[in-house]
N, C-alpha and C. Protein backbone atom coordinates (compact mmCIF):
# COMPACT_ATOMS: atom_id res chain seq x y z
N MET A 1 114.73 124.14 172.67
CA MET A 1 115.05 125.76 171.57
C MET A 1 114.13 127.04 172.15
N LYS A 2 114.28 127.94 172.83
CA LYS A 2 113.56 129.03 173.13
C LYS A 2 114.07 130.01 171.50
N ILE A 3 112.94 130.81 172.46
CA ILE A 3 112.41 131.80 170.80
C ILE A 3 111.92 133.07 171.93
N TYR A 4 112.46 134.32 171.40
CA TYR A 4 111.97 135.40 172.34
C TYR A 4 111.71 136.72 171.51
N GLU A 5 111.14 138.04 171.39
CA GLU A 5 111.10 138.37 171.01
C GLU A 5 110.22 139.92 170.77
N GLU A 6 111.46 141.17 171.17
CA GLU A 6 110.55 142.47 170.76
C GLU A 6 110.56 143.20 169.66
N GLU A 7 109.97 144.60 169.81
CA GLU A 7 110.47 145.14 168.68
C GLU A 7 110.36 146.89 169.58
N LEU A 8 111.41 147.22 169.35
CA LEU A 8 111.87 148.50 170.17
C LEU A 8 112.24 148.89 169.27
N ALA A 9 110.99 150.73 169.83
CA ALA A 9 110.84 151.89 169.08
C ALA A 9 112.25 152.63 169.92
N VAL A 10 112.74 153.37 168.50
CA VAL A 10 113.46 154.52 168.05
C VAL A 10 112.86 155.61 167.27
N LYS A 11 112.90 156.85 167.74
CA LYS A 11 113.40 158.04 168.03
C LYS A 11 114.36 159.39 167.79
N THR A 12 113.68 159.45 166.58
CA THR A 12 115.24 160.09 165.60
C THR A 12 115.16 161.95 165.35
N THR A 13 116.20 162.64 164.97
CA THR A 13 116.12 164.04 165.58
C THR A 13 117.27 164.34 164.32
N LYS A 14 116.53 164.11 163.36
CA LYS A 14 118.04 164.46 162.52
C LYS A 14 117.29 164.04 161.12
N ARG A 15 118.43 164.18 160.51
CA ARG A 15 117.45 163.51 158.92
C ARG A 15 118.87 161.57 159.27
N ILE A 16 120.36 162.56 159.24
CA ILE A 16 120.99 161.12 158.79
C ILE A 16 121.98 161.18 160.35
N GLU A 17 121.40 160.00 161.38
CA GLU A 17 122.14 160.55 162.41
C GLU A 17 121.34 158.74 163.44
N PHE A 18 123.14 158.15 164.05
CA PHE A 18 123.62 156.80 163.93
C PHE A 18 122.93 157.16 166.19
N VAL A 19 121.89 156.78 166.22
CA VAL A 19 121.49 156.64 167.28
C VAL A 19 122.27 154.83 168.29
N ASN A 20 122.80 154.91 169.09
CA ASN A 20 123.24 153.34 169.48
C ASN A 20 122.25 153.23 170.73
N ILE A 21 122.33 152.28 170.48
CA ILE A 21 120.77 151.20 170.69
C ILE A 21 120.95 149.85 171.09
N THR A 22 122.48 150.39 171.75
CA THR A 22 123.33 148.33 173.16
C THR A 22 122.65 148.18 173.66
N HIS A 23 121.96 149.40 175.27
CA HIS A 23 120.96 148.76 176.56
C HIS A 23 120.52 148.42 175.89
N LYS A 24 119.61 148.85 175.18
CA LYS A 24 117.64 148.33 173.87
C LYS A 24 117.98 146.84 174.32
N VAL A 25 119.05 146.54 173.17
CA VAL A 25 119.03 145.47 172.56
C VAL A 25 119.99 143.78 173.82
N GLU A 26 120.54 144.66 174.82
CA GLU A 26 120.35 143.47 175.58
C GLU A 26 119.68 143.49 177.08
N GLU A 27 118.35 144.81 177.14
CA GLU A 27 117.81 144.79 178.06
C GLU A 27 116.53 143.80 176.63
N VAL A 28 116.40 143.66 175.86
CA VAL A 28 116.03 142.21 175.23
C VAL A 28 116.77 141.17 175.35
N VAL A 29 117.92 140.93 175.16
CA VAL A 29 118.79 139.40 175.93
C VAL A 29 117.92 138.99 176.56
N LYS A 30 118.42 140.04 178.18
CA LYS A 30 117.90 139.77 179.32
C LYS A 30 116.43 138.93 179.85
N ASN A 31 115.95 139.49 179.50
CA ASN A 31 114.57 139.72 178.81
C ASN A 31 113.82 138.33 179.11
N SER A 32 114.67 138.13 177.84
CA SER A 32 114.09 136.72 176.84
C SER A 32 114.82 135.60 178.24
N ASN A 33 115.36 135.38 179.36
CA ASN A 33 116.27 134.58 179.45
C ASN A 33 116.32 133.46 178.93
N ILE A 34 117.29 133.52 178.01
CA ILE A 34 118.09 132.61 177.16
C ILE A 34 119.41 133.57 177.67
N SER A 35 120.27 132.00 177.68
CA SER A 35 121.54 132.03 178.46
C SER A 35 122.27 131.95 177.16
N ASN A 36 122.37 131.11 176.50
CA ASN A 36 123.17 131.31 175.13
C ASN A 36 122.47 130.96 174.20
N GLY A 37 123.09 131.65 173.08
CA GLY A 37 122.21 131.08 172.06
C GLY A 37 122.95 132.91 169.87
N ILE A 38 121.39 133.40 169.82
CA ILE A 38 121.64 134.49 168.84
C ILE A 38 120.99 135.59 168.44
N CYS A 39 121.71 136.90 169.13
CA CYS A 39 120.51 137.90 168.81
C CYS A 39 120.27 137.95 167.13
N TYR A 40 119.05 138.28 166.63
CA TYR A 40 119.32 138.61 165.57
C TYR A 40 118.80 140.08 165.92
N ILE A 41 119.15 141.42 164.87
CA ILE A 41 118.78 142.83 164.93
C ILE A 41 118.34 143.22 163.51
N PHE A 42 116.96 143.85 163.04
CA PHE A 42 116.68 143.04 162.12
C PHE A 42 115.57 145.07 161.97
N VAL A 43 115.77 145.95 161.12
CA VAL A 43 115.32 146.68 160.47
C VAL A 43 114.08 146.81 159.23
N PRO A 44 112.43 147.77 159.54
CA PRO A 44 112.26 146.59 158.62
C PRO A 44 111.41 148.62 158.06
N HIS A 45 113.21 149.23 157.62
CA HIS A 45 112.87 150.34 157.27
C HIS A 45 113.84 150.26 155.89
N THR A 46 113.18 150.99 154.37
CA THR A 46 114.07 151.26 153.27
C THR A 46 114.96 152.00 153.17
N THR A 47 115.45 153.38 153.96
CA THR A 47 115.93 154.32 154.71
C THR A 47 116.14 154.65 155.74
N ALA A 48 116.89 153.22 156.35
CA ALA A 48 117.03 152.85 158.03
C ALA A 48 118.34 152.02 157.87
N ALA A 49 118.99 152.03 158.15
CA ALA A 49 120.12 150.41 158.52
C ALA A 49 120.10 150.45 160.28
N VAL A 50 121.44 149.24 160.15
CA VAL A 50 121.70 149.35 161.70
C VAL A 50 123.29 148.06 160.99
N THR A 51 124.25 148.89 162.24
CA THR A 51 125.59 148.11 162.21
C THR A 51 126.07 147.61 164.05
N ILE A 52 127.11 147.61 163.83
CA ILE A 52 127.97 147.68 164.67
C ILE A 52 129.54 148.56 164.17
N ASN A 53 130.24 148.82 165.70
CA ASN A 53 130.61 150.55 165.29
C ASN A 53 131.59 150.44 166.43
N GLU A 54 132.32 151.08 166.28
CA GLU A 54 132.83 151.49 167.61
C GLU A 54 132.34 153.02 168.46
N ASP A 55 131.63 152.44 169.49
CA ASP A 55 130.79 153.52 170.43
C ASP A 55 131.91 154.38 171.63
N ALA A 56 133.35 154.51 171.97
CA ALA A 56 134.44 154.70 172.27
C ALA A 56 134.15 156.23 171.78
N ASP A 57 135.15 155.94 170.69
CA ASP A 57 134.40 157.41 170.83
C ASP A 57 133.55 158.42 169.05
N PRO A 58 133.05 158.89 169.97
CA PRO A 58 131.96 159.98 168.90
C PRO A 58 131.68 159.47 167.36
N ASP A 59 133.74 160.16 167.47
CA ASP A 59 134.33 160.97 166.35
C ASP A 59 133.76 159.57 164.94
N VAL A 60 134.30 158.69 164.97
CA VAL A 60 133.86 157.63 164.49
C VAL A 60 132.95 157.22 163.94
N VAL A 61 130.96 157.48 164.13
CA VAL A 61 129.68 157.46 163.84
C VAL A 61 129.91 158.74 163.16
N ASN A 62 130.93 160.02 163.36
CA ASN A 62 130.51 161.75 162.96
C ASN A 62 131.77 161.28 161.28
N ASP A 63 132.67 160.48 161.38
CA ASP A 63 133.31 159.75 160.59
C ASP A 63 132.96 159.18 159.25
N ILE A 64 132.29 158.34 159.84
CA ILE A 64 130.94 157.09 159.61
C ILE A 64 130.11 157.84 158.18
N ILE A 65 129.27 158.74 158.47
CA ILE A 65 128.78 159.99 157.41
C ILE A 65 128.66 160.54 157.61
N SER A 66 130.52 161.48 157.71
CA SER A 66 131.02 162.40 157.04
C SER A 66 131.05 161.66 155.57
N LYS A 67 131.63 160.45 155.84
CA LYS A 67 132.20 160.16 154.01
C LYS A 67 131.19 158.86 153.12
N LEU A 68 129.28 158.49 153.72
CA LEU A 68 129.19 158.61 153.71
C LEU A 68 127.71 159.45 152.75
N ASN A 69 128.00 160.47 153.09
CA ASN A 69 127.71 162.12 153.02
C ASN A 69 128.51 162.13 151.17
N VAL A 70 129.49 162.08 151.28
CA VAL A 70 130.53 161.70 150.20
C VAL A 70 130.55 160.87 148.80
N LEU A 71 130.38 159.91 149.59
CA LEU A 71 129.79 158.93 148.78
C LEU A 71 128.94 159.07 147.28
N VAL A 72 127.15 159.04 148.98
CA VAL A 72 126.21 158.98 148.44
C VAL A 72 125.98 160.36 149.09
N PRO A 73 125.60 161.69 147.83
CA PRO A 73 125.40 162.56 147.96
C PRO A 73 123.64 163.08 147.81
N LYS A 74 122.75 164.56 148.35
CA LYS A 74 122.03 163.83 148.75
C LYS A 74 121.42 164.45 147.74
N ASN A 75 121.50 165.00 146.94
CA ASN A 75 121.44 166.16 145.71
C ASN A 75 120.39 165.72 144.54
N GLU A 76 119.61 165.53 144.18
CA GLU A 76 118.02 165.09 143.84
C GLU A 76 118.75 165.22 142.44
N SER A 77 119.48 165.90 141.51
CA SER A 77 119.49 165.84 140.35
C SER A 77 119.80 164.66 139.96
N PHE A 78 120.93 163.47 140.86
CA PHE A 78 121.85 163.17 140.40
C PHE A 78 120.61 161.56 140.63
N TYR A 79 119.51 161.58 141.02
CA TYR A 79 118.47 160.29 141.11
C TYR A 79 117.59 161.35 140.53
N ASN A 80 116.50 159.25 139.91
CA ASN A 80 115.05 159.63 138.83
C ASN A 80 113.85 159.30 140.03
N HIS A 81 114.79 158.57 141.73
CA HIS A 81 113.27 158.60 142.82
C HIS A 81 112.76 159.49 142.85
N ILE A 82 111.28 160.01 143.07
CA ILE A 82 110.00 161.48 142.82
C ILE A 82 110.63 161.28 144.21
N GLU A 83 110.28 160.93 145.40
CA GLU A 83 110.38 161.73 146.46
C GLU A 83 111.44 161.99 147.48
N GLY A 84 112.79 162.35 147.06
CA GLY A 84 113.64 162.65 146.97
C GLY A 84 115.25 162.51 148.31
N ASN A 85 114.34 161.45 148.76
CA ASN A 85 115.20 160.54 149.26
C ASN A 85 116.53 159.43 148.88
N SER A 86 116.62 160.07 147.30
CA SER A 86 116.97 158.32 146.54
C SER A 86 118.67 158.59 147.63
N ASP A 87 118.98 159.12 148.74
CA ASP A 87 120.85 159.48 148.50
C ASP A 87 120.25 157.91 150.04
N ALA A 88 119.06 157.78 151.55
CA ALA A 88 119.29 157.61 151.36
C ALA A 88 118.55 156.08 151.72
N HIS A 89 117.90 155.85 150.46
CA HIS A 89 117.79 154.16 150.11
C HIS A 89 118.80 153.99 149.59
N ILE A 90 120.42 154.62 149.04
CA ILE A 90 121.72 153.67 148.72
C ILE A 90 122.33 153.37 150.08
N LYS A 91 122.04 154.37 150.81
CA LYS A 91 122.97 154.60 152.39
C LYS A 91 122.36 153.37 152.78
N SER A 92 121.29 152.59 152.99
CA SER A 92 120.54 151.68 153.65
C SER A 92 121.14 150.55 153.44
N SER A 93 120.97 150.42 152.09
CA SER A 93 121.42 149.49 151.63
C SER A 93 123.18 149.24 151.21
N LEU A 94 123.75 149.84 151.83
CA LEU A 94 125.39 149.53 151.67
C LEU A 94 125.82 149.35 153.28
N ILE A 95 124.50 150.30 154.41
CA ILE A 95 125.63 150.14 155.86
C ILE A 95 124.17 148.37 156.08
N GLY A 96 123.05 148.56 155.47
CA GLY A 96 122.57 146.81 155.48
C GLY A 96 121.43 146.71 156.79
N VAL A 97 120.78 146.10 156.92
CA VAL A 97 119.39 146.15 157.74
C VAL A 97 119.48 145.26 159.08
N SER A 98 120.27 143.81 158.57
CA SER A 98 120.20 142.93 160.24
C SER A 98 121.81 142.51 160.43
N LEU A 99 121.17 141.90 161.64
CA LEU A 99 122.79 141.87 162.13
C LEU A 99 122.74 140.62 162.84
N GLU A 100 123.62 139.76 163.30
CA GLU A 100 123.52 138.45 164.22
C GLU A 100 124.52 139.07 165.26
N VAL A 101 124.34 138.91 166.48
CA VAL A 101 125.80 138.47 167.70
C VAL A 101 124.14 137.39 168.95
N PHE A 102 126.04 136.81 168.80
CA PHE A 102 126.06 135.90 170.15
C PHE A 102 125.49 136.26 171.07
N VAL A 103 124.63 135.44 172.06
CA VAL A 103 124.66 135.62 173.37
C VAL A 103 125.44 134.40 173.94
N ASN A 104 126.11 135.08 175.11
CA ASN A 104 126.67 133.84 176.32
C ASN A 104 126.62 134.47 177.84
N ASN A 105 126.26 133.15 178.75
CA ASN A 105 126.23 134.09 179.22
C ASN A 105 124.31 135.41 179.72
N LYS A 106 123.84 134.80 179.07
CA LYS A 106 123.21 136.29 178.85
C LYS A 106 123.32 137.70 178.52
N LYS A 107 124.46 137.67 178.09
CA LYS A 107 124.70 138.91 177.66
C LYS A 107 125.24 138.37 176.22
N LEU A 108 125.33 139.96 176.04
CA LEU A 108 126.12 139.88 173.63
C LEU A 108 127.43 139.61 174.06
N LYS A 109 127.28 138.83 173.29
CA LYS A 109 129.36 138.95 172.85
C LYS A 109 129.08 140.35 171.54
N LEU A 110 129.32 141.10 172.06
CA LEU A 110 130.28 141.85 171.60
C LEU A 110 131.74 142.53 171.65
N GLY A 111 132.59 142.64 171.23
CA GLY A 111 134.11 143.42 171.04
C GLY A 111 134.66 144.47 172.78
N ARG A 112 134.79 145.09 172.29
CA ARG A 112 135.17 145.63 174.12
C ARG A 112 134.90 146.96 173.88
N TRP A 113 134.90 147.82 172.56
CA TRP A 113 134.97 148.75 172.04
C TRP A 113 133.11 149.31 171.06
N GLN A 114 132.95 148.03 170.54
CA GLN A 114 131.76 147.90 169.74
C GLN A 114 130.71 147.99 170.69
N GLY A 115 129.78 149.28 170.13
CA GLY A 115 128.14 149.16 169.52
C GLY A 115 127.11 148.79 169.07
N ILE A 116 125.85 148.53 169.59
CA ILE A 116 125.13 148.67 167.77
C ILE A 116 124.12 149.28 168.07
N TYR A 117 124.26 150.71 166.26
CA TYR A 117 124.09 151.58 166.39
C TYR A 117 123.11 151.20 165.22
N PHE A 118 121.51 152.23 165.75
CA PHE A 118 120.58 152.23 164.48
C PHE A 118 121.51 153.74 164.08
N CYS A 119 121.50 153.81 162.74
CA CYS A 119 121.26 154.68 161.58
C CYS A 119 120.32 154.92 160.49
N GLU A 120 119.90 156.59 160.60
CA GLU A 120 119.26 157.42 160.32
C GLU A 120 119.32 157.93 159.00
N PHE A 121 119.21 157.91 157.73
CA PHE A 121 118.81 158.73 156.63
C PHE A 121 118.38 159.39 155.78
N ASP A 122 116.81 159.57 156.64
CA ASP A 122 115.37 159.76 156.18
C ASP A 122 114.54 160.42 156.93
N GLY A 123 115.17 160.72 158.11
CA GLY A 123 114.70 161.37 159.53
C GLY A 123 114.37 163.34 159.47
N PRO A 124 113.68 163.71 160.75
CA PRO A 124 113.97 162.78 161.95
C PRO A 124 112.41 161.60 161.65
N ARG A 125 111.91 160.81 162.47
CA ARG A 125 111.21 159.92 161.85
C ARG A 125 110.71 159.18 163.93
N TYR A 126 109.99 158.17 163.36
CA TYR A 126 109.93 156.97 164.34
C TYR A 126 109.93 156.04 163.91
N ARG A 127 110.32 155.38 164.11
CA ARG A 127 110.92 154.01 163.61
C ARG A 127 111.02 152.59 164.74
N SER A 128 111.10 151.74 164.15
CA SER A 128 111.13 150.35 164.99
C SER A 128 112.36 149.65 164.46
N VAL A 129 112.99 148.36 165.48
CA VAL A 129 113.97 147.61 165.12
C VAL A 129 113.48 146.24 166.09
N TRP A 130 113.61 145.30 165.68
CA TRP A 130 113.42 144.29 166.33
C TRP A 130 113.66 143.46 166.43
N VAL A 131 114.38 142.58 167.71
CA VAL A 131 114.99 141.81 168.18
C VAL A 131 114.79 140.37 168.19
N LYS A 132 115.41 139.85 168.04
CA LYS A 132 114.41 138.53 168.19
C LYS A 132 116.07 137.46 168.51
N VAL A 133 116.06 136.68 169.93
CA VAL A 133 116.53 135.77 170.44
C VAL A 133 116.00 134.38 169.76
N LEU A 134 117.13 133.80 170.10
CA LEU A 134 116.98 132.64 169.93
C LEU A 134 117.96 131.79 170.66
N GLY A 135 117.77 129.94 171.32
CA GLY A 135 119.00 130.08 172.07
C GLY A 135 118.32 129.06 173.15
N GLU A 136 119.08 128.85 174.24
CA GLU A 136 118.86 127.82 175.60
C GLU A 136 119.34 128.74 176.66
């Protein structure tokens, strides 16, 4: 079994933003020289997340962000956390900080319309995404 790991840098420009990182993760898989296995994607931040969703229509991402803002508003008077970013912590917990994607024939095995998104909820910031590929 081979193991390959890289850290990706992501720069966000808005407080709440989804950044498509599919091509960056695909590059890690390519660099790993692993033909078949699994790719783990992990976000080491408490106010960010990672998800897989449609990347053909940007309205899908806009709809997700819009609904999250309705479900978990920024209104600081709702929360006890003194930093004023409790909504970002909650959104991160709802979406999640890790993913697993199969690797077949040196490529991510994603559905036709799927893309991998880094989800920023407390930006703009410089962020990291850890990617590990395991397999043969």
